[in-house]
C-alpha atoms as a PDB file:
ATOM      1  CA  MET A   1       4.674  67.689  30.490  1.00  0.00           C
ATOM      2  CA  VAL A   2       1.895  66.487  32.757  1.00  0.00           C
ATOM      3  CA  GLY A   3       1.288  62.736  32.677  1.00  0.00           C
ATOM      4  CA  ARG A   4      -1.957  61.447  31.187  1.00  0.00           C
ATOM      5  CA  LEU A   5      -4.470  58.828  32.119  1.00  0.00           C
ATOM      6  CA  PHE A   6      -7.615  57.549  30.451  1.00  0.00           C
ATOM      7  CA  PRO A   7      -9.633  56.480  33.499  1.00  0.00           C
ATOM      8  CA  SER A   8     -13.265  55.618  33.982  1.00  0.00           C
ATOM      9  CA  PHE A   9     -14.500  59.171  34.448  1.00  0.00           C
ATOM     10  CA  GLY A  10     -16.244  60.024  37.717  1.00  0.00           C
ATOM     11  CA  ALA A  11     -18.376  62.973  38.640  1.00  0.00           C
ATOM     12  CA  LEU A  12     -17.255  66.254  37.157  1.00  0.00           C
ATOM     13  CA  PHE A  13     -18.709  69.696  37.721  1.00  0.00           C
ATOM     14  CA  LEU A  14     -18.190  73.042  35.978  1.00  0.00           C
ATOM     15  CA  ALA A  15     -18.985  76.475  37.331  1.00  0.00           C
ATOM     16  CA  ILE A  16     -21.419  77.903  34.808  1.00  0.00           C
ATOM     17  CA  VAL A  17     -23.148  81.266  34.848  1.00  0.00           C
ATOM     18  CA  LEU A  18     -25.750  81.706  32.161  1.00  0.00           C
ATOM     19  CA  SER A  19     -27.735  84.834  31.468  1.00  0.00           C
ATOM     20  CA  GLY A  20     -30.383  84.537  28.795  1.00  0.00           C
ATOM     21  CA  GLY A  21     -31.001  87.218  26.212  1.00  0.00           C
ATOM     22  CA  ALA A  22     -34.319  88.875  25.734  1.00  0.00           C
ATOM     23  CA  ALA A  23     -34.974  89.270  22.033  1.00  0.00           C
ATOM     24  CA  SER A  24     -37.242  86.532  20.742  1.00  0.00           C
ATOM     25  CA  ALA A  25     -35.590  86.748  17.340  1.00  0.00           C
ATOM     26  CA  ALA A  26     -32.190  85.853  18.802  1.00  0.00           C
ATOM     27  CA  GLY A  27     -30.760  82.422  18.147  1.00  0.00           C
ATOM     28  CA  THR A  28     -29.958  79.780  20.730  1.00  0.00           C
ATOM     29  CA  TRP A  29     -26.642  78.716  22.264  1.00  0.00           C
ATOM     30  CA  THR A  30     -25.956  75.092  23.160  1.00  0.00           C
ATOM     31  CA  VAL A  31     -23.141  74.890  25.744  1.00  0.00           C
ATOM     32  CA  GLN A  32     -21.615  71.427  26.055  1.00  0.00           C
ATOM     33  CA  TYR A  33     -18.618  69.731  27.693  1.00  0.00           C
ATOM     34  CA  LYS A  34     -16.366  67.071  26.167  1.00  0.00           C
ATOM     35  CA  LEU A  35     -13.363  64.988  27.154  1.00  0.00           C
ATOM     36  CA  PHE A  36     -10.336  65.046  24.882  1.00  0.00           C
ATOM     37  CA  PRO A  37      -9.577  63.244  22.620  1.00  0.00           C
ATOM     38  CA  ASP A  38     -12.633  61.021  22.080  1.00  0.00           C
ATOM     39  CA  GLY A  39     -15.280  63.707  22.588  1.00  0.00           C
ATOM     40  CA  SER A  40     -17.208  61.666  25.136  1.00  0.00           C
ATOM     41  CA  GLN A  41     -19.319  63.382  27.751  1.00  0.00           C
ATOM     42  CA  GLY A  42     -18.712  60.831  30.473  1.00  0.00           C
ATOM     43  CA  ALA A  43     -19.902  62.242  33.784  1.00  0.00           C
ATOM     44  CA  LEU A  44     -19.725  65.850  32.611  1.00  0.00           C
ATOM     45  CA  PRO A  45     -22.856  68.004  32.837  1.00  0.00           C
ATOM     46  CA  ASN A  46     -25.498  67.679  30.177  1.00  0.00           C
ATOM     47  CA  PRO A  47     -25.608  70.327  27.442  1.00  0.00           C
ATOM     48  CA  LEU A  48     -27.256  73.598  28.409  1.00  0.00           C
ATOM     49  CA  VAL A  49     -29.397  75.588  26.006  1.00  0.00           C
ATOM     50  CA  THR A  50     -29.939  79.334  26.339  1.00  0.00           C
ATOM     51  CA  LYS A  51     -31.347  82.012  24.044  1.00  0.00           C
ATOM     52  CA  GLY A  52     -29.634  85.292  23.300  1.00  0.00           C
ATOM     53  CA  LYS A  53     -26.471  86.558  24.981  1.00  0.00           C
ATOM     54  CA  PHE A  54     -24.754  84.539  27.712  1.00  0.00           C
ATOM     55  CA  THR A  55     -21.689  84.373  29.947  1.00  0.00           C
ATOM     56  CA  THR A  56     -19.998  81.080  30.795  1.00  0.00           C
ATOM     57  CA  ILE A  57     -17.007  80.439  33.056  1.00  0.00           C
ATOM     58  CA  ALA A  58     -15.127  77.145  32.815  1.00  0.00           C
ATOM     59  CA  LYS A  59     -13.123  75.937  35.815  1.00  0.00           C
ATOM     60  CA  ARG A  60      -9.378  75.768  35.134  1.00  0.00           C
ATOM     61  CA  THR A  61      -9.022  72.433  36.951  1.00  0.00           C
ATOM     62  CA  LEU A  62     -11.507  69.983  38.413  1.00  0.00           C
ATOM     63  CA  PRO A  63     -11.037  66.922  40.632  1.00  0.00           C
ATOM     64  CA  GLY A  64     -11.454  63.515  39.051  1.00  0.00           C
ATOM     65  CA  PRO A  65     -10.891  59.967  40.264  1.00  0.00           C
ATOM     66  CA  PRO A  66      -7.891  59.333  42.607  1.00  0.00           C
ATOM     67  CA  LYS A  67      -4.671  60.903  41.242  1.00  0.00           C
ATOM     68  CA  VAL A  68      -6.533  62.371  38.264  1.00  0.00           C
ATOM     69  CA  THR A  69      -7.235  66.040  37.585  1.00  0.00           C
ATOM     70  CA  TYR A  70      -9.351  67.425  34.763  1.00  0.00           C
ATOM     71  CA  GLU A  71      -7.736  70.439  33.098  1.00  0.00           C
ATOM     72  CA  PHE A  72      -9.415  72.919  30.791  1.00  0.00           C
ATOM     73  CA  LEU A  73      -7.945  72.939  27.284  1.00  0.00           C
ATOM     74  CA  PHE A  74      -9.914  75.310  25.069  1.00  0.00           C
ATOM     75  CA  TRP A  75     -13.326  76.520  23.983  1.00  0.00           C
ATOM     76  CA  ASN A  76     -14.636  75.834  20.509  1.00  0.00           C
ATOM     77  CA  VAL A  77     -17.283  78.408  19.590  1.00  0.00           C
ATOM     78  CA  ASN A  78     -19.069  77.942  16.275  1.00  0.00           C
ATOM     79  CA  GLY A  79     -16.037  76.291  14.699  1.00  0.00           C
ATOM     80  CA  VAL A  80     -13.311  78.560  16.117  1.00  0.00           C
ATOM     81  CA  SER A  81     -11.099  77.350  18.990  1.00  0.00           C
ATOM     82  CA  THR A  82      -9.505  79.508  21.673  1.00  0.00           C
ATOM     83  CA  THR A  83      -6.171  79.096  23.435  1.00  0.00           C
ATOM     84  CA  SER A  84      -6.352  78.030  27.069  1.00  0.00           C
ATOM     85  CA  ASN A  85      -5.453  80.895  29.393  1.00  0.00           C
ATOM     86  CA  LEU A  86      -6.865  82.832  32.334  1.00  0.00           C
ATOM     87  CA  THR A  87      -9.082  85.122  30.276  1.00  0.00           C
ATOM     88  CA  GLU A  88     -10.361  82.691  27.662  1.00  0.00           C
ATOM     89  CA  ARG A  89     -11.908  80.364  30.226  1.00  0.00           C
ATOM     90  CA  LYS A  90     -14.643  82.986  30.367  1.00  0.00           C
ATOM     91  CA  LEU A  91     -16.919  83.453  27.382  1.00  0.00           C
ATOM     92  CA  SER A  92     -19.180  86.454  26.992  1.00  0.00           C
ATOM     93  CA  GLU A  93     -21.144  85.975  23.800  1.00  0.00           C
ATOM     94  CA  PRO A  94     -23.545  88.515  22.321  1.00  0.00           C
ATOM     95  CA  ALA A  95     -27.047  87.645  21.219  1.00  0.00           C
ATOM     96  CA  PRO A  96     -26.587  85.713  17.963  1.00  0.00           C
ATOM     97  CA  PRO A  97     -28.772  85.906  14.892  1.00  0.00           C
ATOM     98  CA  ALA A  98     -31.598  83.408  14.547  1.00  0.00           C
ATOM     99  CA  GLY A  99     -30.379  79.846  14.377  1.00  0.00           C
ATOM    100  CA  LYS A 100     -28.407  77.328  16.412  1.00  0.00           C
ATOM    101  CA  ASN A 101     -24.997  78.218  17.875  1.00  0.00           C
ATOM    102  CA  ASN A 102     -22.600  75.971  19.789  1.00  0.00           C
ATOM    103  CA  ALA A 103     -19.903  76.416  22.445  1.00  0.00           C
ATOM    104  CA  THR A 104     -17.891  73.426  23.698  1.00  0.00           C
ATOM    105  CA  ALA A 105     -15.504  73.355  26.659  1.00  0.00           C
ATOM    106  CA  TRP A 106     -12.859  70.648  26.128  1.00  0.00           C
ATOM    107  CA  TYR A 107     -11.177  69.042  29.141  1.00  0.00           C
ATOM    108  CA  LEU A 108      -8.194  66.694  29.594  1.00  0.00           C
ATOM    109  CA  ALA A 109      -7.620  64.028  32.249  1.00  0.00           C
ATOM    110  CA  THR A 110      -4.108  64.420  33.724  1.00  0.00           C
ATOM    111  CA  GLY A 111      -2.276  62.514  36.409  1.00  0.00           C
ATOM    112  CA  GLY A 112       0.116  59.666  36.959  1.00  0.00           C
ATOM    113  CA  GLY A 113       3.391  60.873  35.490  1.00  0.00           C
ATOM    114  CA  GLY A 114       6.683  59.107  36.134  1.00  0.00           C
ATOM    115  CA  LYS A 115       9.515  58.302  33.759  1.00  0.00           C
ATOM    116  CA  CYS A 116       8.631  57.404  30.181  1.00  0.00           C
ATOM    117  CA  ALA A 117      11.766  55.423  29.253  1.00  0.00           C
ATOM    118  CA  PRO A 118      12.162  53.245  27.294  1.00  0.00           C
ATOM    119  CA  ASN A 119       9.134  54.369  25.250  1.00  0.00           C
ATOM    120  CA  CYS A 120       9.286  58.176  25.261  1.00  0.00           C
ATOM    121  CA  SER A 121       7.265  59.829  22.521  1.00  0.00           C
ATOM    122  CA  VAL A 122       5.048  62.724  21.445  1.00  0.00           C
ATOM    123  CA  ALA A 123       1.402  61.861  20.735  1.00  0.00           C
ATOM    124  CA  THR A 124      -0.280  64.179  18.242  1.00  0.00           C
ATOM    125  CA  TRP A 125      -3.835  64.796  17.086  1.00  0.00           C
ATOM    126  CA  ALA A 126      -5.297  66.691  14.144  1.00  0.00           C
ATOM    127  CA  PHE A 127      -8.345  68.607  15.368  1.00  0.00           C
ATOM    128  CA  SER A 128     -10.986  70.023  13.035  1.00  0.00           C
ATOM    129  CA  GLU A 129     -12.295  73.329  14.341  1.00  0.00           C
ATOM    130  CA  ASN A 130     -15.199  73.220  11.893  1.00  0.00           C
ATOM    131  CA  GLN A 131     -16.263  69.740  12.980  1.00  0.00           C
ATOM    132  CA  ASN A 132     -15.315  70.319  16.641  1.00  0.00           C
ATOM    133  CA  ALA A 133     -13.665  66.899  16.781  1.00  0.00           C
ATOM    134  CA  VAL A 134     -10.414  65.002  16.347  1.00  0.00           C
ATOM    135  CA  ILE A 135      -9.978  63.923  12.718  1.00  0.00           C
ATOM    136  CA  ALA A 136      -9.804  60.129  12.838  1.00  0.00           C
ATOM    137  CA  ASN A 137      -6.935  58.232  11.222  1.00  0.00           C
ATOM    138  CA  THR A 138      -5.138  61.443  10.273  1.00  0.00           C
ATOM    139  CA  THR A 139      -1.668  62.575  11.271  1.00  0.00           C
ATOM    140  CA  PRO A 140      -0.857  66.290  11.508  1.00  0.00           C
ATOM    141  CA  VAL A 141       2.879  65.511  11.186  1.00  0.00           C
ATOM    142  CA  ALA A 142       4.628  66.560   7.970  1.00  0.00           C
ATOM    143  CA  SER A 143       8.243  65.875   8.985  1.00  0.00           C
ATOM    144  CA  VAL A 144      10.443  65.345  12.019  1.00  0.00           C
ATOM    145  CA  SER A 145      14.005  66.229  12.911  1.00  0.00           C
ATOM    146  CA  PRO A 146      15.834  63.882  13.437  1.00  0.00           C
ATOM    147  CA  SER A 147      13.919  62.132  10.644  1.00  0.00           C
ATOM    148  CA  SER A 148      14.631  58.613  11.929  1.00  0.00           C
ATOM    149  CA  LEU A 149      12.236  59.164  14.848  1.00  0.00           C
ATOM    150  CA  TRP A 150       9.044  59.094  12.764  1.00  0.00           C
ATOM    151  CA  SER A 151       7.466  57.095   9.946  1.00  0.00           C
ATOM    152  CA  THR A 152       4.451  58.315   8.007  1.00  0.00           C
ATOM    153  CA  PRO A 153       1.485  58.100   8.624  1.00  0.00           C
ATOM    154  CA  SER A 154       2.002  57.630  12.367  1.00  0.00           C
ATOM    155  CA  THR A 155       0.565  60.148  14.831  1.00  0.00           C
ATOM    156  CA  SER A 156       3.299  59.261  17.344  1.00  0.00           C
ATOM    157  CA  VAL A 157       6.891  60.558  17.260  1.00  0.00           C
ATOM    158  CA  SER A 158       9.687  58.977  19.295  1.00  0.00           C
ATOM    159  CA  THR A 159      11.824  61.297  21.422  1.00  0.00           C
ATOM    160  CA  GLU A 160      14.528  58.730  22.202  1.00  0.00           C
ATOM    161  CA  THR A 161      17.536  60.338  20.571  1.00  0.00           C
ATOM    162  CA  SER A 162      21.034  61.567  21.324  1.00  0.00           C
ATOM    163  CA  SER A 163      20.024  64.967  19.916  1.00  0.00           C
ATOM    164  CA  PRO A 164      19.058  67.560  22.559  1.00  0.00           C
ATOM    165  CA  SER A 165      15.536  67.970  21.177  1.00  0.00           C
ATOM    166  CA  VAL A 166      12.986  66.786  18.643  1.00  0.00           C
ATOM    167  CA  THR A 167      11.223  69.143  16.222  1.00  0.00           C
ATOM    168  CA  ILE A 168       7.891  68.260  14.602  1.00  0.00           C
ATOM    169  CA  MET A 169       6.628  70.186  11.586  1.00  0.00           C
ATOM    170  CA  ALA A 170       2.867  70.325  11.049  1.00  0.00           C
ATOM    171  CA  ARG A 171       1.199  69.619   7.729  1.00  0.00           C
ATOM    172  CA  ALA A 172       0.053  72.854   6.111  1.00  0.00           C
ATOM    173  CA  SER A 173      -3.188  71.273   4.906  1.00  0.00           C
ATOM    174  CA  LEU A 174      -4.999  67.955   5.108  1.00  0.00           C
ATOM    175  CA  GLY A 175      -6.456  67.622   1.626  1.00  0.00           C
ATOM    176  CA  VAL A 176      -5.591  67.288  -2.053  1.00  0.00           C
ATOM    177  CA  SER A 177      -5.885  71.036  -2.604  1.00  0.00           C
ATOM    178  CA  PRO A 178      -4.393  73.586  -0.175  1.00  0.00           C
ATOM    179  CA  LYS A 179      -7.136  76.028  -1.150  1.00  0.00           C
ATOM    180  CA  PHE A 180     -10.005  73.669  -0.449  1.00  0.00           C
ATOM    181  CA  SER A 181      -8.929  71.632   2.553  1.00  0.00           C
ATOM    182  CA  PRO A 182      -8.488  72.144   6.313  1.00  0.00           C
ATOM    183  CA  LEU A 183      -5.554  74.497   6.869  1.00  0.00           C
ATOM    184  CA  PHE A 184      -3.173  74.479   9.840  1.00  0.00           C
ATOM    185  CA  GLN A 185      -3.907  77.126  12.480  1.00  0.00           C
ATOM    186  CA  ARG A 186      -1.671  76.435  15.499  1.00  0.00           C
ATOM    187  CA  TRP A 187      -0.175  73.869  17.854  1.00  0.00           C
ATOM    188  CA  GLN A 188      -1.220  73.494  21.478  1.00  0.00           C
ATOM    189  CA  GLU A 189       0.962  71.333  23.698  1.00  0.00           C
ATOM    190  CA  LEU A 190      -1.257  69.775  26.318  1.00  0.00           C
ATOM    191  CA  PRO A 191      -2.610  70.883  28.554  1.00  0.00           C
ATOM    192  CA  LYS A 192      -2.183  74.597  27.819  1.00  0.00           C
ATOM    193  CA  THR A 193       0.940  75.786  25.973  1.00  0.00           C
ATOM    194  CA  LYS A 194       0.355  77.587  22.690  1.00  0.00           C
ATOM    195  CA  ILE A 195       3.167  77.083  20.164  1.00  0.00           C
ATOM    196  CA  ALA A 196       4.025  79.870  17.734  1.00  0.00           C
ATOM    197  CA  GLY A 197       4.402  78.769  14.131  1.00  0.00           C
ATOM    198  CA  SER A 198       4.123  75.317  12.587  1.00  0.00           C
ATOM    199  CA  SER A 199       7.056  73.675  14.411  1.00  0.00           C
ATOM    200  CA  LEU A 200       6.753  71.974  17.789  1.00  0.00           C
ATOM    201  CA  THR A 201       9.995  71.302  19.689  1.00  0.00           C
ATOM    202  CA  VAL A 202      10.243  69.047  22.751  1.00  0.00           C
ATOM    203  CA  PRO A 203      13.285  67.880  24.766  1.00  0.00           C
ATOM    204  CA  ALA A 204      14.741  64.475  23.969  1.00  0.00           C
ATOM    205  CA  ASP A 205      13.711  61.499  26.116  1.00  0.00           C
ATOM    206  CA  THR A 206      10.478  63.084  27.325  1.00  0.00           C
ATOM    207  CA  SER A 207       6.798  62.416  26.720  1.00  0.00           C
ATOM    208  CA  ALA A 208       4.380  65.047  25.454  1.00  0.00           C
ATOM    209  CA  GLU A 209       1.025  65.446  23.731  1.00  0.00           C
ATOM    210  CA  ALA A 210      -0.021  68.098  21.256  1.00  0.00           C
ATOM    211  CA  ILE A 211      -3.019  69.150  19.182  1.00  0.00           C
ATOM    212  CA  ALA A 212      -2.658  70.610  15.714  1.00  0.00           C
ATOM    213  CA  PHE A 213      -5.735  72.728  14.955  1.00  0.00           C
ATOM    214  CA  TYR A 214      -7.084  72.851  11.393  1.00  0.00           C
ATOM    215  CA  ARG A 215      -9.864  74.934   9.880  1.00  0.00           C
ATOM    216  CA  GLN A 216     -11.713  74.753   6.571  1.00  0.00           C
ATOM    217  CA  LEU A 217     -11.605  78.367   5.393  1.00  0.00           C
ATOM    218  CA  ALA A 218     -13.677  77.977   2.227  1.00  0.00           C
ATOM    219  CA  ALA A 219     -16.272  75.530   0.984  1.00  0.00           C
ATOM    220  CA  PRO A 220     -14.911  73.278  -1.778  1.00  0.00           C
ATOM    221  CA  PRO A 221     -16.373  73.867  -5.242  1.00  0.00           C
ATOM    222  CA  PRO A 222     -18.373  71.180  -7.065  1.00  0.00           C
ATOM    223  CA  ASN A 223     -16.162  68.343  -8.268  1.00  0.00           C
ATOM    224  CA  PRO A 224     -15.582  68.979 -12.008  1.00  0.00           C
ATOM    225  CA  CYS A 225     -14.755  65.291 -12.518  1.00  0.00           C
ATOM    226  CA  LEU A 226     -18.230  64.032 -11.679  1.00  0.00           C
ATOM    227  CA  GLY A 227     -19.623  62.207 -14.698  1.00  0.00           C
ATOM    228  CA  LYS A 228     -16.399  62.541 -16.683  1.00  0.00           C
ATOM    229  CA  PRO A 229     -14.136  59.656 -17.772  1.00  0.00           C
ATOM    230  CA  LEU A 230     -10.777  59.127 -16.093  1.00  0.00           C
ATOM    231  CA  PRO A 231      -8.171  60.468 -15.928  1.00  0.00           C
ATOM    232  CA  CYS A 232      -9.529  63.749 -14.572  1.00  0.00           C
ATOM    233  CA  ARG A 233      -7.902  66.108 -12.073  1.00  0.00           C
ATOM    234  CA  PRO A 234     -10.481  67.843  -9.863  1.00  0.00           C
ATOM    235  CA  PHE A 235      -8.228  70.770  -8.873  1.00  0.00           C
END
């Protein structure tokens, strides 16, 4: 796992190729760049706005301050996130219908490294695809094996164990009703490894970071308990 730093971000440049669409009825695309996990722009380029179809290419890595490299993580396009790989750094989007559309390239500052002992752990984040942001004060962790390595509701899981590895199970949903709450989509170990299924396994005595992606698949219905005396169960 690549080591991580949270430096004061210096100048950062992306290679962007934009080609505007022609139809006046087409909607607009806002292309923006954010630093994971806080969503700050830092020294990244300002958002770009284009109408109609466009093509954008995000650099895989970019130089940062001394001993820091910025690595591309994923695109989030209108509430759907891609997996980082050679092909998905390039977006070719058709002319959208009238309205505002958004594409965000997320980057990670990597560098440093070194041994993690005696505080080796996995840092996790729950990321809302719909909101295009980390969900604050929310753990994506449902359970851990060995169980002694984690206490709810922490977002951090220790990896200091005599077992050969640590397995983290993601929460299936983040709300009171599985039907009307953000649902788990996938893990991505940073900076770029997609994990199949809801379990993330890392070697013991190592440090790692991982994003659990969640998406709201349906709008919640009106709360039937509004105006009614307690007790009332909304779902």
